[in-house]
Amino acid sequence: MKSILANIRAFVLVMVVCICTIPALGQGCAMCNANARSTPKEGQQAINRAILVMLVPLVGFMVVGVGLAFRYGKKRDQEDQEED
């Protein structure tokens, strides 16, 4: 019964997050888009590269943080089971 409730809670949480992020899809600024399209091909490539340079470290930090959180959670759960 607990796993069913946990699955329902996880599903509801994912749906709430998805619904809350919908307004972010409208953030494509028309002026920014027009400005980026009017730059030469080299400028467009530089913009794309800059976005990747800013995105990769943040995603890396998030992956490491989530990995450490899961690792800590498993270690804590194992210690709790050993104490019982």
PDB file of N, CA and C in Angstrom:
ATOM      1  N   MET A   1       0.819  -1.190   0.000  1.00  0.00           N
ATOM      2  CA  MET A   1       0.000   0.000   0.000  1.00  0.00           C
ATOM      3  C   MET A   1       0.866   1.259   0.000  1.00  0.00           C
ATOM      4  N   LYS A   2       1.986   1.200   0.757  1.00  0.00           N
ATOM      5  CA  LYS A   2       2.863   2.369   0.817  1.00  0.00           C
ATOM      6  C   LYS A   2       3.497   2.664  -0.533  1.00  0.00           C
ATOM      7  N   SER A   3       3.845   1.603  -1.277  1.00  0.00           N
ATOM      8  CA  SER A   3       4.483   1.833  -2.578  1.00  0.00           C
ATOM      9  C   SER A   3       3.497   2.442  -3.563  1.00  0.00           C
ATOM     10  N   ILE A   4       2.228   2.066  -3.468  1.00  0.00           N
ATOM     11  CA  ILE A   4       1.223   2.652  -4.354  1.00  0.00           C
ATOM     12  C   ILE A   4       1.070   4.142  -4.054  1.00  0.00           C
ATOM     13  N   LEU A   5       0.998   4.477  -2.766  1.00  0.00           N
ATOM     14  CA  LEU A   5       0.895   5.891  -2.388  1.00  0.00           C
ATOM     15  C   LEU A   5       2.137   6.664  -2.812  1.00  0.00           C
ATOM     16  N   ALA A   6       3.301   6.046  -2.675  1.00  0.00           N
ATOM     17  CA  ALA A   6       4.537   6.709  -3.088  1.00  0.00           C
ATOM     18  C   ALA A   6       4.543   6.941  -4.593  1.00  0.00           C
ATOM     19  N   ASN A   7       4.065   5.968  -5.352  1.00  0.00           N
ATOM     20  CA  ASN A   7       4.001   6.127  -6.808  1.00  0.00           C
ATOM     21  C   ASN A   7       3.014   7.217  -7.197  1.00  0.00           C
ATOM     22  N   ILE A   8       1.886   7.268  -6.518  1.00  0.00           N
ATOM     23  CA  ILE A   8       0.900   8.311  -6.810  1.00  0.00           C
ATOM     24  C   ILE A   8       1.464   9.687  -6.478  1.00  0.00           C
ATOM     25  N   ARG A   9       2.137   9.794  -5.346  1.00  0.00           N
ATOM     26  CA  ARG A   9       2.742  11.074  -4.963  1.00  0.00           C
ATOM     27  C   ARG A   9       3.800  11.507  -5.965  1.00  0.00           C
ATOM     28  N   ALA A  10       4.630  10.559  -6.403  1.00  0.00           N
ATOM     29  CA  ALA A  10       5.671  10.876  -7.382  1.00  0.00           C
ATOM     30  C   ALA A  10       5.044  11.334  -8.697  1.00  0.00           C
ATOM     31  N   PHE A  11       3.991  10.642  -9.121  1.00  0.00           N
ATOM     32  CA  PHE A  11       3.314  11.016 -10.363  1.00  0.00           C
ATOM     33  C   PHE A  11       2.719  12.413 -10.262  1.00  0.00           C
ATOM     34  N   VAL A  12       2.053  12.700  -9.149  1.00  0.00           N
ATOM     35  CA  VAL A  12       1.453  14.024  -8.951  1.00  0.00           C
ATOM     36  C   VAL A  12       2.539  15.092  -8.930  1.00  0.00           C
ATOM     37  N   LEU A  13       3.658  14.817  -8.271  1.00  0.00           N
ATOM     38  CA  LEU A  13       4.756  15.777  -8.217  1.00  0.00           C
ATOM     39  C   LEU A  13       5.298  16.058  -9.616  1.00  0.00           C
ATOM     40  N   VAL A  14       5.491  15.017 -10.409  1.00  0.00           N
ATOM     41  CA  VAL A  14       5.998  15.196 -11.772  1.00  0.00           C
ATOM     42  C   VAL A  14       5.006  16.008 -12.597  1.00  0.00           C
ATOM     43  N   MET A  15       3.725  15.728 -12.446  1.00  0.00           N
ATOM     44  CA  MET A  15       2.721  16.468 -13.204  1.00  0.00           C
ATOM     45  C   MET A  15       2.683  17.943 -12.795  1.00  0.00           C
ATOM     46  N   VAL A  16       2.803  18.221 -11.499  1.00  0.00           N
ATOM     47  CA  VAL A  16       2.808  19.608 -11.032  1.00  0.00           C
ATOM     48  C   VAL A  16       4.025  20.351 -11.583  1.00  0.00           C
ATOM     49  N   VAL A  17       5.175  19.698 -11.562  1.00  0.00           N
ATOM     50  CA  VAL A  17       6.383  20.327 -12.102  1.00  0.00           C
ATOM     51  C   VAL A  17       6.220  20.593 -13.594  1.00  0.00           C
ATOM     52  N   CYS A  18       5.662  19.620 -14.322  1.00  0.00           N
ATOM     53  CA  CYS A  18       5.456  19.809 -15.759  1.00  0.00           C
ATOM     54  C   CYS A  18       4.493  20.958 -16.039  1.00  0.00           C
ATOM     55  N   ILE A  19       3.425  21.032 -15.266  1.00  0.00           N
ATOM     56  CA  ILE A  19       2.453  22.102 -15.471  1.00  0.00           C
ATOM     57  C   ILE A  19       3.048  23.456 -15.126  1.00  0.00           C
ATOM     58  N   CYS A  20       3.870  23.505 -14.090  1.00  0.00           N
ATOM     59  CA  CYS A  20       4.474  24.781 -13.682  1.00  0.00           C
ATOM     60  C   CYS A  20       5.517  25.273 -14.670  1.00  0.00           C
ATOM     61  N   THR A  21       6.091  24.382 -15.458  1.00  0.00           N
ATOM     62  CA  THR A  21       7.128  24.800 -16.401  1.00  0.00           C
ATOM     63  C   THR A  21       6.570  25.201 -17.757  1.00  0.00           C
ATOM     64  N   ILE A  22       5.273  25.035 -17.980  1.00  0.00           N
ATOM     65  CA  ILE A  22       4.686  25.393 -19.265  1.00  0.00           C
ATOM     66  C   ILE A  22       4.920  26.870 -19.612  1.00  0.00           C
ATOM     67  N   PRO A  23       4.771  27.820 -18.671  1.00  0.00           N
ATOM     68  CA  PRO A  23       5.023  29.225 -19.040  1.00  0.00           C
ATOM     69  C   PRO A  23       6.453  29.474 -19.533  1.00  0.00           C
ATOM     70  N   ALA A  24       7.391  28.635 -19.148  1.00  0.00           N
ATOM     71  CA  ALA A  24       8.774  28.827 -19.588  1.00  0.00           C
ATOM     72  C   ALA A  24       8.915  28.603 -21.086  1.00  0.00           C
ATOM     73  N   LEU A  25       7.995  27.859 -21.683  1.00  0.00           N
ATOM     74  CA  LEU A  25       8.067  27.628 -23.125  1.00  0.00           C
ATOM     75  C   LEU A  25       7.812  28.912 -23.904  1.00  0.00           C
ATOM     76  N   GLY A  26       7.112  29.854 -23.308  1.00  0.00           N
ATOM     77  CA  GLY A  26       6.827  31.117 -23.976  1.00  0.00           C
ATOM     78  C   GLY A  26       7.923  32.146 -23.807  1.00  0.00           C
ATOM     79  N   GLN A  27       9.060  31.771 -23.263  1.00  0.00           N
ATOM     80  CA  GLN A  27      10.120  32.733 -22.985  1.00  0.00           C
ATOM     81  C   GLN A  27      10.999  33.028 -24.191  1.00  0.00           C
ATOM     82  N   GLY A  28      10.695  32.450 -25.337  1.00  0.00           N
ATOM     83  CA  GLY A  28      11.476  32.731 -26.535  1.00  0.00           C
ATOM     84  C   GLY A  28      11.259  34.167 -26.973  1.00  0.00           C
ATOM     85  N   CYS A  29      12.124  35.035 -26.553  1.00  0.00           N
ATOM     86  CA  CYS A  29      11.992  36.471 -26.817  1.00  0.00           C
ATOM     87  C   CYS A  29      12.105  36.719 -28.323  1.00  0.00           C
ATOM     88  N   ALA A  30      11.113  37.414 -28.872  1.00  0.00           N
ATOM     89  CA  ALA A  30      11.088  37.685 -30.308  1.00  0.00           C
ATOM     90  C   ALA A  30      12.274  38.554 -30.724  1.00  0.00           C
ATOM     91  N   MET A  31      12.641  39.532 -29.896  1.00  0.00           N
ATOM     92  CA  MET A  31      13.771  40.403 -30.236  1.00  0.00           C
ATOM     93  C   MET A  31      15.078  39.623 -30.211  1.00  0.00           C
ATOM     94  N   CYS A  32      15.227  38.768 -29.199  1.00  0.00           N
ATOM     95  CA  CYS A  32      16.449  37.967 -29.118  1.00  0.00           C
ATOM     96  C   CYS A  32      16.550  37.018 -30.298  1.00  0.00           C
ATOM     97  N   ASN A  33      15.422  36.417 -30.647  1.00  0.00           N
ATOM     98  CA  ASN A  33      15.404  35.484 -31.768  1.00  0.00           C
ATOM     99  C   ASN A  33      15.739  36.205 -33.070  1.00  0.00           C
ATOM    100  N   ALA A  34      15.146  37.376 -33.295  1.00  0.00           N
ATOM    101  CA  ALA A  34      15.419  38.143 -34.518  1.00  0.00           C
ATOM    102  C   ALA A  34      16.876  38.583 -34.562  1.00  0.00           C
ATOM    103  N   ASN A  35      17.405  38.996 -33.412  1.00  0.00           N
ATOM    104  CA  ASN A  35      18.800  39.431 -33.350  1.00  0.00           C
ATOM    105  C   ASN A  35      19.743  38.267 -33.645  1.00  0.00           C
ATOM    106  N   ALA A  36      19.450  37.099 -33.084  1.00  0.00           N
ATOM    107  CA  ALA A  36      20.311  35.940 -33.305  1.00  0.00           C
ATOM    108  C   ALA A  36      20.254  35.491 -34.762  1.00  0.00           C
ATOM    109  N   ARG A  37      19.080  35.571 -35.378  1.00  0.00           N
ATOM    110  CA  ARG A  37      18.950  35.151 -36.777  1.00  0.00           C
ATOM    111  C   ARG A  37      19.627  36.135 -37.736  1.00  0.00           C
ATOM    112  N   SER A  38      19.742  37.376 -37.329  1.00  0.00           N
ATOM    113  CA  SER A  38      20.332  38.367 -38.220  1.00  0.00           C
ATOM    114  C   SER A  38      21.864  38.371 -38.164  1.00  0.00           C
ATOM    115  N   THR A  39      22.432  37.650 -37.213  1.00  0.00           N
ATOM    116  CA  THR A  39      23.893  37.590 -37.133  1.00  0.00           C
ATOM    117  C   THR A  39      24.427  36.639 -38.193  1.00  0.00           C
ATOM    118  N   PRO A  40      25.693  36.810 -38.561  1.00  0.00           N
ATOM    119  CA  PRO A  40      26.287  35.885 -39.536  1.00  0.00           C
ATOM    120  C   PRO A  40      26.357  34.459 -38.976  1.00  0.00           C
ATOM    121  N   LYS A  41      26.633  33.521 -39.841  1.00  0.00           N
ATOM    122  CA  LYS A  41      26.673  32.102 -39.462  1.00  0.00           C
ATOM    123  C   LYS A  41      27.678  31.861 -38.328  1.00  0.00           C
ATOM    124  N   GLU A  42      28.829  32.523 -38.370  1.00  0.00           N
ATOM    125  CA  GLU A  42      29.829  32.356 -37.308  1.00  0.00           C
ATOM    126  C   GLU A  42      29.288  32.857 -35.969  1.00  0.00           C
ATOM    127  N   GLY A  43      28.540  33.947 -36.000  1.00  0.00           N
ATOM    128  CA  GLY A  43      27.945  34.484 -34.784  1.00  0.00           C
ATOM    129  C   GLY A  43      26.908  33.535 -34.205  1.00  0.00           C
ATOM    130  N   GLN A  44      26.116  32.910 -35.054  1.00  0.00           N
ATOM    131  CA  GLN A  44      25.126  31.939 -34.601  1.00  0.00           C
ATOM    132  C   GLN A  44      25.801  30.733 -33.959  1.00  0.00           C
ATOM    133  N   GLN A  45      26.895  30.291 -34.571  1.00  0.00           N
ATOM    134  CA  GLN A  45      27.642  29.166 -33.993  1.00  0.00           C
ATOM    135  C   GLN A  45      28.244  29.549 -32.645  1.00  0.00           C
ATOM    136  N   ALA A  46      28.712  30.780 -32.532  1.00  0.00           N
ATOM    137  CA  ALA A  46      29.274  31.243 -31.256  1.00  0.00           C
ATOM    138  C   ALA A  46      28.195  31.301 -30.181  1.00  0.00           C
ATOM    139  N   ILE A  47      26.991  31.745 -30.547  1.00  0.00           N
ATOM    140  CA  ILE A  47      25.891  31.786 -29.579  1.00  0.00           C
ATOM    141  C   ILE A  47      25.552  30.363 -29.124  1.00  0.00           C
ATOM    142  N   ASN A  48      25.454  29.437 -30.073  1.00  0.00           N
ATOM    143  CA  ASN A  48      25.153  28.042 -29.718  1.00  0.00           C
ATOM    144  C   ASN A  48      26.230  27.456 -28.813  1.00  0.00           C
ATOM    145  N   ARG A  49      27.478  27.740 -29.125  1.00  0.00           N
ATOM    146  CA  ARG A  49      28.588  27.242 -28.312  1.00  0.00           C
ATOM    147  C   ARG A  49      28.548  27.847 -26.907  1.00  0.00           C
ATOM    148  N   ALA A  50      28.212  29.122 -26.829  1.00  0.00           N
ATOM    149  CA  ALA A  50      28.137  29.799 -25.530  1.00  0.00           C
ATOM    150  C   ALA A  50      27.022  29.203 -24.676  1.00  0.00           C
ATOM    151  N   ILE A  51      25.909  28.885 -25.297  1.00  0.00           N
ATOM    152  CA  ILE A  51      24.819  28.255 -24.553  1.00  0.00           C
ATOM    153  C   ILE A  51      25.275  26.911 -24.005  1.00  0.00           C
ATOM    154  N   LEU A  52      25.958  26.126 -24.807  1.00  0.00           N
ATOM    155  CA  LEU A  52      26.455  24.830 -24.326  1.00  0.00           C
ATOM    156  C   LEU A  52      27.480  24.994 -23.209  1.00  0.00           C
ATOM    157  N   VAL A  53      28.350  25.989 -23.355  1.00  0.00           N
ATOM    158  CA  VAL A  53      29.365  26.224 -22.322  1.00  0.00           C
ATOM    159  C   VAL A  53      28.705  26.589 -20.997  1.00  0.00           C
ATOM    160  N   MET A  54      27.600  27.331 -21.042  1.00  0.00           N
ATOM    161  CA  MET A  54      26.908  27.689 -19.811  1.00  0.00           C
ATOM    162  C   MET A  54      26.054  26.540 -19.278  1.00  0.00           C
ATOM    163  N   LEU A  55      25.567  25.685 -20.160  1.00  0.00           N
ATOM    164  CA  LEU A  55      24.650  24.621 -19.762  1.00  0.00           C
ATOM    165  C   LEU A  55      25.359  23.401 -19.189  1.00  0.00           C
ATOM    166  N   VAL A  56      26.463  22.994 -19.777  1.00  0.00           N
ATOM    167  CA  VAL A  56      27.139  21.753 -19.380  1.00  0.00           C
ATOM    168  C   VAL A  56      27.575  21.755 -17.909  1.00  0.00           C
ATOM    169  N   PRO A  57      28.221  22.789 -17.388  1.00  0.00           N
ATOM    170  CA  PRO A  57      28.605  22.749 -15.974  1.00  0.00           C
ATOM    171  C   PRO A  57      27.403  22.667 -15.029  1.00  0.00           C
ATOM    172  N   LEU A  58      26.333  23.382 -15.354  1.00  0.00           N
ATOM    173  CA  LEU A  58      25.154  23.339 -14.492  1.00  0.00           C
ATOM    174  C   LEU A  58      24.528  21.951 -14.474  1.00  0.00           C
ATOM    175  N   VAL A  59      24.413  21.343 -15.623  1.00  0.00           N
ATOM    176  CA  VAL A  59      23.863  19.986 -15.683  1.00  0.00           C
ATOM    177  C   VAL A  59      24.794  19.023 -14.950  1.00  0.00           C
ATOM    178  N   GLY A  60      26.092  19.212 -15.094  1.00  0.00           N
ATOM    179  CA  GLY A  60      27.045  18.371 -14.378  1.00  0.00           C
ATOM    180  C   GLY A  60      26.895  18.483 -12.874  1.00  0.00           C
ATOM    181  N   PHE A  61      26.762  19.714 -12.379  1.00  0.00           N
ATOM    182  CA  PHE A  61      26.563  19.905 -10.937  1.00  0.00           C
ATOM    183  C   PHE A  61      25.273  19.241 -10.467  1.00  0.00           C
ATOM    184  N   MET A  62      24.221  19.360 -11.256  1.00  0.00           N
ATOM    185  CA  MET A  62      22.947  18.750 -10.872  1.00  0.00           C
ATOM    186  C   MET A  62      23.061  17.225 -10.842  1.00  0.00           C
ATOM    187  N   VAL A  63      23.721  16.643 -11.822  1.00  0.00           N
ATOM    188  CA  VAL A  63      23.881  15.189 -11.857  1.00  0.00           C
ATOM    189  C   VAL A  63      24.684  14.724 -10.651  1.00  0.00           C
ATOM    190  N   VAL A  64      25.763  15.409 -10.348  1.00  0.00           N
ATOM    191  CA  VAL A  64      26.579  15.045  -9.184  1.00  0.00           C
ATOM    192  C   VAL A  64      25.772  15.213  -7.898  1.00  0.00           C
ATOM    193  N   GLY A  65      25.034  16.308  -7.777  1.00  0.00           N
ATOM    194  CA  GLY A  65      24.239  16.544  -6.579  1.00  0.00           C
ATOM    195  C   GLY A  65      23.172  15.485  -6.375  1.00  0.00           C
ATOM    196  N   VAL A  66      22.450  15.137  -7.435  1.00  0.00           N
ATOM    197  CA  VAL A  66      21.416  14.100  -7.322  1.00  0.00           C
ATOM    198  C   VAL A  66      22.054  12.759  -7.030  1.00  0.00           C
ATOM    199  N   GLY A  67      23.186  12.470  -7.663  1.00  0.00           N
ATOM    200  CA  GLY A  67      23.895  11.214  -7.391  1.00  0.00           C
ATOM    201  C   GLY A  67      24.325  11.109  -5.937  1.00  0.00           C
ATOM    202  N   LEU A  68      24.868  12.194  -5.404  1.00  0.00           N
ATOM    203  CA  LEU A  68      25.276  12.186  -3.995  1.00  0.00           C
ATOM    204  C   LEU A  68      24.075  12.052  -3.066  1.00  0.00           C
ATOM    205  N   ALA A  69      22.962  12.678  -3.420  1.00  0.00           N
ATOM    206  CA  ALA A  69      21.755  12.572  -2.595  1.00  0.00           C
ATOM    207  C   ALA A  69      21.255  11.136  -2.556  1.00  0.00           C
ATOM    208  N   PHE A  70      21.216  10.475  -3.704  1.00  0.00           N
ATOM    209  CA  PHE A  70      20.787   9.080  -3.725  1.00  0.00           C
ATOM    210  C   PHE A  70      21.772   8.192  -2.963  1.00  0.00           C
ATOM    211  N   ARG A  71      23.058   8.458  -3.135  1.00  0.00           N
ATOM    212  CA  ARG A  71      24.074   7.661  -2.435  1.00  0.00           C
ATOM    213  C   ARG A  71      23.933   7.813  -0.915  1.00  0.00           C
ATOM    214  N   TYR A  72      23.742   9.051  -0.465  1.00  0.00           N
ATOM    215  CA  TYR A  72      23.558   9.305   0.963  1.00  0.00           C
ATOM    216  C   TYR A  72      22.282   8.634   1.465  1.00  0.00           C
ATOM    217  N   GLY A  73      21.211   8.716   0.670  1.00  0.00           N
ATOM    218  CA  GLY A  73      19.945   8.113   1.067  1.00  0.00           C
ATOM    219  C   GLY A  73      20.053   6.605   1.206  1.00  0.00           C
ATOM    220  N   LYS A  74      20.736   5.950   0.260  1.00  0.00           N
ATOM    221  CA  LYS A  74      20.914   4.498   0.350  1.00  0.00           C
ATOM    222  C   LYS A  74      21.761   4.129   1.557  1.00  0.00           C
ATOM    223  N   LYS A  75      22.832   4.892   1.793  1.00  0.00           N
ATOM    224  CA  LYS A  75      23.703   4.618   2.940  1.00  0.00           C
ATOM    225  C   LYS A  75      22.928   4.775   4.246  1.00  0.00           C
ATOM    226  N   ARG A  76      22.113   5.822   4.333  1.00  0.00           N
ATOM    227  CA  ARG A  76      21.314   6.058   5.528  1.00  0.00           C
ATOM    228  C   ARG A  76      20.296   4.939   5.746  1.00  0.00           C
ATOM    229  N   ASP A  77      19.656   4.495   4.661  1.00  0.00           N
ATOM    230  CA  ASP A  77      18.684   3.415   4.768  1.00  0.00           C
ATOM    231  C   ASP A  77      19.342   2.112   5.206  1.00  0.00           C
ATOM    232  N   GLN A  78      20.547   1.838   4.713  1.00  0.00           N
ATOM    233  CA  GLN A  78      21.258   0.620   5.110  1.00  0.00           C
ATOM    234  C   GLN A  78      21.645   0.691   6.575  1.00  0.00           C
ATOM    235  N   GLU A  79      22.072   1.855   7.054  1.00  0.00           N
ATOM    236  CA  GLU A  79      22.426   2.006   8.458  1.00  0.00           C
ATOM    237  C   GLU A  79      21.187   1.835   9.340  1.00  0.00           C
ATOM    238  N   ASP A  80      20.042   2.339   8.901  1.00  0.00           N
ATOM    239  CA  ASP A  80      18.807   2.184   9.666  1.00  0.00           C
ATOM    240  C   ASP A  80      18.393   0.724   9.749  1.00  0.00           C
ATOM    241  N   GLN A  81      18.581  -0.022   8.646  1.00  0.00           N
ATOM    242  CA  GLN A  81      18.208  -1.435   8.648  1.00  0.00           C
ATOM    243  C   GLN A  81      19.140  -2.254   9.546  1.00  0.00           C
ATOM    244  N   GLU A  82      20.416  -1.873   9.583  1.00  0.00           N
ATOM    245  CA  GLU A  82      21.381  -2.589  10.428  1.00  0.00           C
ATOM    246  C   GLU A  82      21.090  -2.368  11.912  1.00  0.00           C
ATOM    247  N   GLU A  83      20.591  -1.180  12.254  1.00  0.00           N
ATOM    248  CA  GLU A  83      20.289  -0.879  13.650  1.00  0.00           C
ATOM    249  C   GLU A  83      19.066  -1.655  14.134  1.00  0.00           C
ATOM    250  N   ASP A  84      18.140  -1.952  13.238  1.00  0.00           N
ATOM    251  CA  ASP A  84      16.917  -2.670  13.641  1.00  0.00           C
ATOM    252  C   ASP A  84      17.222  -4.091  13.877  1.00  0.00           C
TER     253      ASP A  84
END
